[in-house]
Amino acid sequence: MKTDDRFYFEDVEVGKVNAYGRYEVTREEVIEFASKYDPQPIHLDDEAAAQTYFGRLSASGWHTASMVMRMMVDNFHAIKQAGLGSPGVDKLQWIKPVFPGDVLRCEATTLSKRRSKSRPEMGLLDGRVEAYNQDDELVLVMKSVGLIEVRDPSVPIAD
């Protein structure tokens, strides 16, 4: 049994909402990210973006997901989560555009948790992350599975 101060599978409460993060979106970062990864005019050019339904320069959805990921990882480090990564994302939705000047934050909810039957030292967490802007408008929803260490793998898995 591990006795350090990290946050393990056993510490996770299903249904608990964890609010965290603060990320200021800058025009420079929107353009830099888009230039490298999503070079569409709506993310690069003010005049072109003004002609779209966005009405102005907006962050790429992939950039928004990356900003959310940064806040998630910072939170994992802050709570010393014994995380082991993720096998993937089940759902990713960009609900509302993100603009330079927006300030993002996250709310994460653990929907369910289970121990791995083949790897008893590992737990799986089904979770939902929602990102909001400074006006509390939902901008992103993501559902994914996270992997986390089990504090005491010698405890039998409950059926």
C-alpha atoms as a PDB file:
ATOM      1  CA  MET A   1       0.000   0.000   0.000  1.00  0.00           C
ATOM      2  CA  LYS A   2       1.302   3.431  -0.975  1.00  0.00           C
ATOM      3  CA  THR A   3       1.286   6.039   1.811  1.00  0.00           C
ATOM      4  CA  ASP A   4       2.355   9.167  -0.074  1.00  0.00           C
ATOM      5  CA  ASP A   5       0.166  12.247  -0.491  1.00  0.00           C
ATOM      6  CA  ARG A   6      -0.866  11.584  -4.079  1.00  0.00           C
ATOM      7  CA  PHE A   7      -4.494  11.326  -5.207  1.00  0.00           C
ATOM      8  CA  TYR A   8      -5.325   7.711  -6.154  1.00  0.00           C
ATOM      9  CA  PHE A   9      -8.238   5.714  -7.559  1.00  0.00           C
ATOM     10  CA  GLU A  10      -9.573   5.133  -4.039  1.00  0.00           C
ATOM     11  CA  ASP A  11      -9.761   8.908  -3.468  1.00  0.00           C
ATOM     12  CA  VAL A  12     -12.008   9.588  -6.474  1.00  0.00           C
ATOM     13  CA  GLU A  13     -15.654  10.385  -5.689  1.00  0.00           C
ATOM     14  CA  VAL A  14     -18.134   9.586  -8.448  1.00  0.00           C
ATOM     15  CA  GLY A  15     -20.390  12.566  -9.172  1.00  0.00           C
ATOM     16  CA  LYS A  16     -18.146  15.150  -7.556  1.00  0.00           C
ATOM     17  CA  VAL A  17     -17.575  18.281  -9.654  1.00  0.00           C
ATOM     18  CA  ASN A  18     -14.041  19.659  -9.619  1.00  0.00           C
ATOM     19  CA  ALA A  19     -13.759  23.300 -10.784  1.00  0.00           C
ATOM     20  CA  TYR A  20     -10.337  24.536 -11.826  1.00  0.00           C
ATOM     21  CA  GLY A  21      -8.309  26.539 -14.268  1.00  0.00           C
ATOM     22  CA  ARG A  22      -8.017  30.009 -15.637  1.00  0.00           C
ATOM     23  CA  TYR A  23      -6.711  30.484 -19.157  1.00  0.00           C
ATOM     24  CA  GLU A  24      -6.570  33.844 -20.913  1.00  0.00           C
ATOM     25  CA  VAL A  25      -6.880  33.486 -24.684  1.00  0.00           C
ATOM     26  CA  THR A  26      -4.632  35.879 -26.605  1.00  0.00           C
ATOM     27  CA  ARG A  27      -4.829  36.941 -30.235  1.00  0.00           C
ATOM     28  CA  GLU A  28      -1.157  36.089 -30.701  1.00  0.00           C
ATOM     29  CA  GLU A  29      -1.632  32.541 -29.433  1.00  0.00           C
ATOM     30  CA  VAL A  30      -4.757  32.012 -31.579  1.00  0.00           C
ATOM     31  CA  ILE A  31      -2.823  33.005 -34.702  1.00  0.00           C
ATOM     32  CA  GLU A  32       0.329  31.092 -33.711  1.00  0.00           C
ATOM     33  CA  PHE A  33      -1.604  27.857 -33.065  1.00  0.00           C
ATOM     34  CA  ALA A  34      -3.656  28.205 -36.245  1.00  0.00           C
ATOM     35  CA  SER A  35      -0.586  28.990 -38.334  1.00  0.00           C
ATOM     36  CA  LYS A  36       0.997  25.752 -37.225  1.00  0.00           C
ATOM     37  CA  TYR A  37      -1.963  23.358 -36.876  1.00  0.00           C
ATOM     38  CA  ASP A  38      -5.220  24.719 -38.328  1.00  0.00           C
ATOM     39  CA  PRO A  39      -4.428  27.385 -40.941  1.00  0.00           C
ATOM     40  CA  GLN A  40      -7.963  28.410 -41.830  1.00  0.00           C
ATOM     41  CA  PRO A  41      -8.693  32.096 -42.520  1.00  0.00           C
ATOM     42  CA  ILE A  42     -11.204  32.318 -39.617  1.00  0.00           C
ATOM     43  CA  HIS A  43      -8.285  31.647 -37.250  1.00  0.00           C
ATOM     44  CA  LEU A  44      -5.669  33.730 -39.046  1.00  0.00           C
ATOM     45  CA  ASP A  45      -7.188  36.775 -40.719  1.00  0.00           C
ATOM     46  CA  ASP A  46      -9.435  39.423 -39.158  1.00  0.00           C
ATOM     47  CA  GLU A  47     -11.052  40.446 -42.450  1.00  0.00           C
ATOM     48  CA  ALA A  48     -11.757  36.868 -43.544  1.00  0.00           C
ATOM     49  CA  ALA A  49     -13.121  35.986 -40.089  1.00  0.00           C
ATOM     50  CA  ALA A  50     -15.409  39.036 -40.154  1.00  0.00           C
ATOM     51  CA  GLN A  51     -17.155  37.543 -43.223  1.00  0.00           C
ATOM     52  CA  THR A  52     -18.084  34.333 -41.386  1.00  0.00           C
ATOM     53  CA  TYR A  53     -20.856  33.607 -38.895  1.00  0.00           C
ATOM     54  CA  PHE A  54     -18.211  33.973 -36.144  1.00  0.00           C
ATOM     55  CA  GLY A  55     -17.911  37.633 -37.113  1.00  0.00           C
ATOM     56  CA  ARG A  56     -14.327  37.885 -35.916  1.00  0.00           C
ATOM     57  CA  LEU A  57     -11.109  35.973 -35.361  1.00  0.00           C
ATOM     58  CA  SER A  58     -11.720  32.816 -33.334  1.00  0.00           C
ATOM     59  CA  ALA A  59      -9.600  30.069 -31.840  1.00  0.00           C
ATOM     60  CA  SER A  60      -9.451  26.722 -33.573  1.00  0.00           C
ATOM     61  CA  GLY A  61     -11.506  24.064 -31.828  1.00  0.00           C
ATOM     62  CA  TRP A  62      -8.297  22.050 -31.565  1.00  0.00           C
ATOM     63  CA  HIS A  63      -6.659  25.020 -29.868  1.00  0.00           C
ATOM     64  CA  THR A  64      -9.581  25.235 -27.449  1.00  0.00           C
ATOM     65  CA  ALA A  65      -9.173  21.526 -26.654  1.00  0.00           C
ATOM     66  CA  SER A  66      -5.441  22.105 -26.131  1.00  0.00           C
ATOM     67  CA  MET A  67      -6.068  24.986 -23.724  1.00  0.00           C
ATOM     68  CA  VAL A  68      -8.495  22.764 -21.793  1.00  0.00           C
ATOM     69  CA  MET A  69      -5.901  19.979 -21.730  1.00  0.00           C
ATOM     70  CA  ARG A  70      -3.359  22.402 -20.277  1.00  0.00           C
ATOM     71  CA  MET A  71      -5.751  23.348 -17.485  1.00  0.00           C
ATOM     72  CA  MET A  72      -6.478  19.665 -16.829  1.00  0.00           C
ATOM     73  CA  VAL A  73      -2.793  18.751 -16.539  1.00  0.00           C
ATOM     74  CA  ASP A  74      -2.100  21.751 -14.293  1.00  0.00           C
ATOM     75  CA  ASN A  75      -4.961  20.553 -12.064  1.00  0.00           C
ATOM     76  CA  PHE A  76      -3.614  16.976 -12.012  1.00  0.00           C
ATOM     77  CA  HIS A  77      -0.257  18.328 -10.865  1.00  0.00           C
ATOM     78  CA  ALA A  78      -1.855  20.590  -8.241  1.00  0.00           C
ATOM     79  CA  ILE A  79      -3.757  17.709  -6.635  1.00  0.00           C
ATOM     80  CA  LYS A  80      -0.848  15.286  -7.203  1.00  0.00           C
ATOM     81  CA  GLN A  81      -3.059  12.875  -9.116  1.00  0.00           C
ATOM     82  CA  ALA A  82      -1.496   9.449  -9.682  1.00  0.00           C
ATOM     83  CA  GLY A  83      -2.594   9.616 -13.305  1.00  0.00           C
ATOM     84  CA  LEU A  84      -1.466   7.191 -15.973  1.00  0.00           C
ATOM     85  CA  GLY A  85      -2.756   8.912 -19.102  1.00  0.00           C
ATOM     86  CA  SER A  86      -5.814   8.107 -21.173  1.00  0.00           C
ATOM     87  CA  PRO A  87      -6.778   5.576 -23.823  1.00  0.00           C
ATOM     88  CA  GLY A  88      -8.848   8.209 -25.598  1.00  0.00           C
ATOM     89  CA  VAL A  89     -11.732  10.604 -25.898  1.00  0.00           C
ATOM     90  CA  ASP A  90     -15.252   9.319 -26.495  1.00  0.00           C
ATOM     91  CA  LYS A  91     -16.836  12.687 -27.276  1.00  0.00           C
ATOM     92  CA  LEU A  92     -15.522  16.160 -28.064  1.00  0.00           C
ATOM     93  CA  GLN A  93     -17.892  18.999 -28.901  1.00  0.00           C
ATOM     94  CA  TRP A  94     -17.116  22.641 -29.575  1.00  0.00           C
ATOM     95  CA  ILE A  95     -20.297  24.310 -28.389  1.00  0.00           C
ATOM     96  CA  LYS A  96     -19.479  27.983 -28.842  1.00  0.00           C
ATOM     97  CA  PRO A  97     -16.532  29.794 -30.447  1.00  0.00           C
ATOM     98  CA  VAL A  98     -13.648  30.988 -28.313  1.00  0.00           C
ATOM     99  CA  PHE A  99     -12.265  34.437 -29.066  1.00  0.00           C
ATOM    100  CA  PRO A 100      -9.136  36.359 -28.161  1.00  0.00           C
ATOM    101  CA  GLY A 101      -9.814  38.030 -24.823  1.00  0.00           C
ATOM    102  CA  ASP A 102     -11.912  35.153 -23.482  1.00  0.00           C
ATOM    103  CA  VAL A 103     -10.928  33.642 -20.138  1.00  0.00           C
ATOM    104  CA  LEU A 104     -11.617  29.924 -19.877  1.00  0.00           C
ATOM    105  CA  ARG A 105     -12.177  27.656 -16.878  1.00  0.00           C
ATOM    106  CA  CYS A 106     -13.138  24.003 -16.448  1.00  0.00           C
ATOM    107  CA  GLU A 107     -15.515  21.809 -14.502  1.00  0.00           C
ATOM    108  CA  ALA A 108     -14.791  18.076 -14.440  1.00  0.00           C
ATOM    109  CA  THR A 109     -17.138  15.372 -13.198  1.00  0.00           C
ATOM    110  CA  THR A 110     -16.275  11.734 -12.626  1.00  0.00           C
ATOM    111  CA  LEU A 111     -19.206   9.810 -14.085  1.00  0.00           C
ATOM    112  CA  SER A 112     -18.056   6.329 -13.042  1.00  0.00           C
ATOM    113  CA  LYS A 113     -14.979   4.427 -11.944  1.00  0.00           C
ATOM    114  CA  ARG A 114     -13.863   0.817 -12.108  1.00  0.00           C
ATOM    115  CA  ARG A 115     -10.775  -1.266 -11.481  1.00  0.00           C
ATOM    116  CA  SER A 116      -9.108  -2.975 -14.385  1.00  0.00           C
ATOM    117  CA  LYS A 117      -9.602  -6.747 -14.179  1.00  0.00           C
ATOM    118  CA  SER A 118      -6.485  -7.461 -16.225  1.00  0.00           C
ATOM    119  CA  ARG A 119      -4.323  -4.822 -14.486  1.00  0.00           C
ATOM    120  CA  PRO A 120      -5.448  -4.521 -10.835  1.00  0.00           C
ATOM    121  CA  GLU A 121      -2.904  -1.756 -10.178  1.00  0.00           C
ATOM    122  CA  MET A 122      -4.902   0.489 -12.510  1.00  0.00           C
ATOM    123  CA  GLY A 123      -8.286   2.164 -12.290  1.00  0.00           C
ATOM    124  CA  LEU A 124     -10.391   3.643 -15.075  1.00  0.00           C
ATOM    125  CA  LEU A 125     -12.358   6.846 -14.672  1.00  0.00           C
ATOM    126  CA  ASP A 126     -15.141   7.848 -17.036  1.00  0.00           C
ATOM    127  CA  GLY A 127     -15.406  11.598 -16.910  1.00  0.00           C
ATOM    128  CA  ARG A 128     -16.886  14.699 -18.454  1.00  0.00           C
ATOM    129  CA  VAL A 129     -15.048  18.004 -18.752  1.00  0.00           C
ATOM    130  CA  GLU A 130     -16.906  21.200 -19.552  1.00  0.00           C
ATOM    131  CA  ALA A 131     -15.143  24.453 -20.394  1.00  0.00           C
ATOM    132  CA  TYR A 132     -16.746  27.842 -19.868  1.00  0.00           C
ATOM    133  CA  ASN A 133     -15.804  31.370 -20.858  1.00  0.00           C
ATOM    134  CA  GLN A 134     -15.804  34.432 -18.599  1.00  0.00           C
ATOM    135  CA  ASP A 135     -19.572  34.850 -19.130  1.00  0.00           C
ATOM    136  CA  ASP A 136     -20.197  31.279 -17.900  1.00  0.00           C
ATOM    137  CA  GLU A 137     -21.122  30.210 -21.440  1.00  0.00           C
ATOM    138  CA  LEU A 138     -20.345  26.582 -22.242  1.00  0.00           C
ATOM    139  CA  VAL A 139     -17.725  26.413 -25.009  1.00  0.00           C
ATOM    140  CA  LEU A 140     -16.537  22.773 -24.967  1.00  0.00           C
ATOM    141  CA  VAL A 141     -17.699  19.370 -23.705  1.00  0.00           C
ATOM    142  CA  MET A 142     -15.457  16.330 -23.609  1.00  0.00           C
ATOM    143  CA  LYS A 143     -16.092  12.797 -22.354  1.00  0.00           C
ATOM    144  CA  SER A 144     -13.095  10.564 -21.897  1.00  0.00           C
ATOM    145  CA  VAL A 145     -11.560   7.728 -19.944  1.00  0.00           C
ATOM    146  CA  GLY A 146      -8.657   8.402 -17.622  1.00  0.00           C
ATOM    147  CA  LEU A 147      -6.249   5.891 -16.144  1.00  0.00           C
ATOM    148  CA  ILE A 148      -5.130   6.240 -12.543  1.00  0.00           C
ATOM    149  CA  GLU A 149      -3.019   4.218 -10.121  1.00  0.00           C
ATOM    150  CA  VAL A 150      -4.671   2.140  -7.431  1.00  0.00           C
ATOM    151  CA  ARG A 151      -3.208   2.810  -3.985  1.00  0.00           C
ATOM    152  CA  ASP A 152      -3.448  -0.832  -2.885  1.00  0.00           C
ATOM    153  CA  PRO A 153      -3.662  -3.338  -5.761  1.00  0.00           C
ATOM    154  CA  SER A 154      -3.661  -6.220  -3.277  1.00  0.00           C
ATOM    155  CA  VAL A 155      -7.264  -5.405  -2.284  1.00  0.00           C
ATOM    156  CA  PRO A 156      -9.540  -7.707  -4.322  1.00  0.00           C
ATOM    157  CA  ILE A 157     -11.653  -6.179  -7.062  1.00  0.00           C
ATOM    158  CA  ALA A 158     -15.289  -6.033  -6.028  1.00  0.00           C
ATOM    159  CA  ASP A 159     -17.712  -7.704  -8.443  1.00  0.00           C
END
